[in-house]
Amino acid sequence: MDYKKSPIVLDAFIFIIPLAVFVAIAIWWGSIYLTVFFILIALFVLWFFRNPERSIPGDPGAIVSPADGRVIKIEEIDETDMLEGKFKKISIFMNIFNVHVNRCPYPGTIKRIKYREGRFFSADLDKASSENERNDVLIETNEGKQILVVQIAGLVARRIVCWVKEGGTLRRGERFGLIRFGSRLEVFMPIDTEVLVKVGDRVKAGHTKVGNLK
């Protein structure tokens, strides 16, 4: 089985194994309350790391959401250290109840990946975009355009996971990473992209169309 397609992301077992030990100890002590407590935490961890299949749009120009969550900001920005020129940016906030597996918004080749250490402000704050720990994934489309996806750690999230490497290729909606326990995703699109969502919209990774590449 492809580990990316496992119903439960394998990272979950880093937490599940210690919790199973705590459950066993609680049972040995004869504490019903502790046993139930650790079982409930284990069930939450399994649920948090769920990795459902998604129906991926087949429209040639469709840019899909890289994350589950709520659109909190749409803006036009000038060049960054990863991009030149003007781009449209959509910011998506993921709370702890959202699926946290991240998906590729548009097919292409991974031109550059850049991880940056940072702080852990709440991911729904504007300053989280520039000051928090982050991982930038720059994709060059088959049409020669650039799309940037940024994984941003939040107040609770303390671990960004990226499964891909520079030079690899990604399909639209393909899983490429995750962020543990609440975070933010940003997608930078060419300035002439037609934006199909608005602030406040709920989106699903790999399924909801957030833009149309022209």
Protein backbone atom coordinates (compact mmCIF):
# COMPACT_ATOMS: atom_id res chain seq x y z
CA MET A 1 0.00 0.00 0.00
CA ASP A 2 1.19 3.51 -0.82
CA TYR A 3 1.84 5.08 2.60
CA LYS A 4 0.38 8.37 1.33
CA LYS A 5 -2.95 6.63 0.72
CA SER A 6 -3.16 4.84 4.04
CA PRO A 7 -6.57 5.58 5.70
CA ILE A 8 -4.64 6.75 8.76
CA VAL A 9 -1.43 8.72 8.19
CA LEU A 10 1.45 6.62 9.50
CA ASP A 11 2.73 9.57 11.57
CA ALA A 12 -0.19 8.84 13.92
CA PHE A 13 1.58 5.80 15.33
CA ILE A 14 4.31 7.97 16.84
CA PHE A 15 1.56 9.00 19.27
CA ILE A 16 -0.54 5.83 19.28
CA ILE A 17 2.21 3.49 20.48
CA PRO A 18 2.97 5.51 23.70
CA LEU A 19 -0.76 5.92 24.30
CA ALA A 20 -1.24 2.16 24.00
CA VAL A 21 1.43 1.73 26.68
CA PHE A 22 -0.39 4.22 28.94
CA VAL A 23 -3.65 2.33 28.40
CA ALA A 24 -1.96 -0.92 29.40
CA ILE A 25 -0.48 0.68 32.53
CA ALA A 26 -3.85 2.17 33.45
CA ILE A 27 -5.50 -1.24 33.08
CA TRP A 28 -2.76 -2.83 35.20
CA TRP A 29 -3.36 -0.21 37.90
CA GLY A 30 -7.06 -0.95 37.72
CA SER A 31 -7.98 2.67 37.00
CA ILE A 32 -11.09 2.82 34.83
CA TYR A 33 -10.95 6.61 34.55
CA LEU A 34 -7.35 6.69 33.30
CA THR A 35 -8.03 3.80 30.94
CA VAL A 36 -11.00 5.58 29.38
CA PHE A 37 -9.06 8.87 29.29
CA PHE A 38 -6.12 7.43 27.33
CA ILE A 39 -8.40 5.44 25.03
CA LEU A 40 -10.30 8.61 24.16
CA ILE A 41 -7.04 10.45 23.42
CA ALA A 42 -5.90 7.57 21.21
CA LEU A 43 -9.20 7.63 19.30
CA PHE A 44 -8.85 11.39 18.80
CA VAL A 45 -5.32 10.96 17.43
CA LEU A 46 -6.50 8.30 14.99
CA TRP A 47 -9.36 10.57 13.91
CA PHE A 48 -7.05 13.59 13.55
CA PHE A 49 -4.68 11.69 11.27
CA ARG A 50 -7.48 10.41 9.02
CA ASN A 51 -6.62 10.46 5.34
CA PRO A 52 -9.81 10.22 3.26
CA GLU A 53 -10.00 9.78 -0.49
CA ARG A 54 -11.21 12.79 -2.45
CA SER A 55 -12.91 13.35 -5.81
CA ILE A 56 -10.39 15.43 -7.79
CA PRO A 57 -11.78 17.87 -10.41
CA GLY A 58 -10.67 17.08 -13.93
CA ASP A 59 -10.98 20.60 -15.37
CA PRO A 60 -7.67 21.40 -17.14
CA GLY A 61 -7.22 24.82 -15.50
CA ALA A 62 -8.62 24.00 -12.05
CA ILE A 63 -6.51 24.96 -9.04
CA VAL A 64 -7.74 22.96 -6.05
CA SER A 65 -7.43 23.78 -2.40
CA PRO A 66 -4.23 22.42 -0.82
CA ALA A 67 -5.94 22.07 2.57
CA ASP A 68 -9.18 21.51 4.40
CA GLY A 69 -10.34 24.53 6.36
CA ARG A 70 -11.68 28.06 6.08
CA VAL A 71 -10.54 30.79 3.69
CA ILE A 72 -9.39 33.65 5.91
CA LYS A 73 -7.73 36.00 3.41
CA ILE A 74 -7.51 36.68 -0.33
CA GLU A 75 -5.06 39.31 -1.54
CA GLU A 76 -2.67 40.41 -4.26
CA ILE A 77 0.98 40.47 -3.28
CA ASP A 78 4.27 41.58 -4.77
CA GLU A 79 7.20 39.26 -5.32
CA THR A 80 8.64 37.14 -2.51
CA ASP A 81 12.01 35.44 -2.17
CA MET A 82 10.46 32.45 -3.94
CA LEU A 83 8.51 34.29 -6.65
CA GLU A 84 8.96 37.25 -8.97
CA GLY A 85 6.16 39.58 -10.01
CA LYS A 86 2.64 39.89 -8.63
CA PHE A 87 0.54 36.96 -7.48
CA LYS A 88 -2.83 36.27 -5.91
CA LYS A 89 -2.68 34.61 -2.50
CA ILE A 90 -5.34 32.58 -0.73
CA SER A 91 -4.83 31.80 2.96
CA ILE A 92 -6.60 28.82 4.53
CA PHE A 93 -6.84 28.19 8.27
CA MET A 94 -7.02 24.61 9.53
CA ASN A 95 -8.30 23.99 13.04
CA ILE A 96 -7.65 20.76 14.95
CA PHE A 97 -10.87 19.22 13.64
CA ASN A 98 -9.94 19.50 9.95
CA VAL A 99 -8.21 16.81 7.90
CA HIS A 100 -4.55 17.87 7.96
CA VAL A 101 -3.19 16.06 4.91
CA ASN A 102 -2.07 18.62 2.31
CA ARG A 103 -2.60 18.16 -1.43
CA CYS A 104 -1.07 19.61 -4.59
CA PRO A 105 -3.22 22.41 -6.06
CA TYR A 106 -2.08 21.96 -9.68
CA PRO A 107 0.02 19.41 -11.62
CA GLY A 108 3.65 20.24 -12.23
CA THR A 109 7.29 19.81 -11.26
CA ILE A 110 8.67 20.73 -7.85
CA LYS A 111 11.28 23.37 -8.61
CA ARG A 112 12.25 24.33 -5.08
CA ILE A 113 11.50 23.50 -1.44
CA LYS A 114 12.56 25.83 1.33
CA TYR A 115 12.04 25.21 5.04
CA ARG A 116 12.33 28.11 7.48
CA GLU A 117 12.33 28.03 11.25
CA GLY A 118 10.08 30.50 13.00
CA ARG A 119 7.66 31.16 15.81
CA PHE A 120 4.31 29.59 16.65
CA PHE A 121 1.69 32.34 16.69
CA SER A 122 -1.91 31.31 16.17
CA ALA A 123 -2.19 30.44 12.47
CA ASP A 124 -5.25 32.63 11.91
CA LEU A 125 -3.23 35.79 12.64
CA ASP A 126 -1.69 37.76 9.76
CA LYS A 127 1.76 37.78 11.39
CA ALA A 128 1.79 33.98 11.30
CA SER A 129 2.25 34.24 7.53
CA SER A 130 5.64 35.92 7.88
CA GLU A 131 6.90 34.93 11.33
CA ASN A 132 5.87 31.31 11.94
CA GLU A 133 7.76 28.16 11.04
CA ARG A 134 7.03 27.36 7.39
CA ASN A 135 7.82 25.20 4.41
CA ASP A 136 7.58 26.59 0.86
CA VAL A 137 6.93 24.26 -2.08
CA LEU A 138 7.34 25.90 -5.51
CA ILE A 139 5.62 24.13 -8.40
CA GLU A 140 6.21 24.86 -12.08
CA THR A 141 3.22 23.89 -14.21
CA ASN A 142 3.44 22.22 -17.61
CA GLU A 143 2.47 25.63 -19.05
CA GLY A 144 5.58 27.19 -17.50
CA LYS A 145 3.71 29.10 -14.78
CA GLN A 146 4.54 29.05 -11.09
CA ILE A 147 2.34 28.16 -8.12
CA LEU A 148 3.64 28.33 -4.57
CA VAL A 149 2.20 26.38 -1.65
CA VAL A 150 3.27 27.35 1.87
CA GLN A 151 2.78 25.12 4.91
CA ILE A 152 2.70 27.23 8.09
CA ALA A 153 2.82 25.83 11.62
CA GLY A 154 0.40 27.29 14.15
CA LEU A 155 0.02 27.75 17.90
CA VAL A 156 -0.55 24.05 18.55
CA ALA A 157 1.08 22.59 15.46
CA ARG A 158 4.79 22.02 16.02
CA ARG A 159 5.68 19.75 13.14
CA ILE A 160 5.57 20.34 9.39
CA VAL A 161 5.84 17.18 7.31
CA CYS A 162 6.72 17.26 3.60
CA TRP A 163 6.82 13.97 1.68
CA VAL A 164 8.16 15.29 -1.64
CA LYS A 165 11.54 16.38 -2.97
CA GLU A 166 12.82 18.90 -5.50
CA GLY A 167 12.70 17.60 -9.06
CA GLY A 168 9.71 15.35 -8.43
CA THR A 169 6.34 15.72 -10.10
CA LEU A 170 2.90 16.03 -8.55
CA ARG A 171 -0.58 15.43 -9.90
CA ARG A 172 -3.52 17.69 -9.11
CA GLY A 173 -4.84 16.67 -5.70
CA GLU A 174 -1.89 14.40 -4.89
CA ARG A 175 -0.94 14.27 -1.21
CA PHE A 176 2.40 15.93 -0.45
CA GLY A 177 2.52 16.47 3.33
CA LEU A 178 0.73 17.45 6.51
CA ILE A 179 0.97 19.71 9.55
CA ARG A 180 0.19 18.36 12.99
CA PHE A 181 -2.56 19.85 15.15
CA GLY A 182 -3.86 23.14 13.71
CA SER A 183 -2.12 25.31 11.12
CA ARG A 184 -2.34 27.38 7.93
CA LEU A 185 -1.82 26.82 4.21
CA GLU A 186 -1.25 29.53 1.61
CA VAL A 187 -1.38 29.16 -2.15
CA PHE A 188 0.14 31.78 -4.47
CA MET A 189 -1.28 31.83 -8.01
CA PRO A 190 -0.50 33.88 -11.15
CA ILE A 191 -2.05 37.34 -11.03
CA ASP A 192 -4.49 36.62 -13.87
CA THR A 193 -5.94 33.58 -12.09
CA GLU A 194 -9.71 33.64 -11.64
CA VAL A 195 -10.41 33.22 -7.91
CA LEU A 196 -13.42 30.98 -7.28
CA VAL A 197 -13.77 31.31 -3.49
CA LYS A 198 -14.34 34.12 -1.02
CA VAL A 199 -13.32 34.82 2.57
CA GLY A 200 -15.29 32.62 4.94
CA ASP A 201 -15.74 29.72 2.50
CA ARG A 202 -15.08 26.20 3.72
CA VAL A 203 -12.80 24.22 1.41
CA LYS A 204 -11.61 20.63 1.08
CA ALA A 205 -8.11 19.64 0.01
CA GLY A 206 -7.93 18.24 -3.50
CA HIS A 207 -11.65 18.71 -4.10
CA THR A 208 -12.69 22.37 -3.83
CA LYS A 209 -11.72 24.53 -6.79
CA VAL A 210 -10.19 27.76 -5.47
CA GLY A 211 -9.01 29.18 -8.78
CA ASN A 212 -8.96 28.79 -12.54
CA LEU A 213 -5.58 29.11 -14.25
CA LYS A 214 -5.75 31.13 -17.48
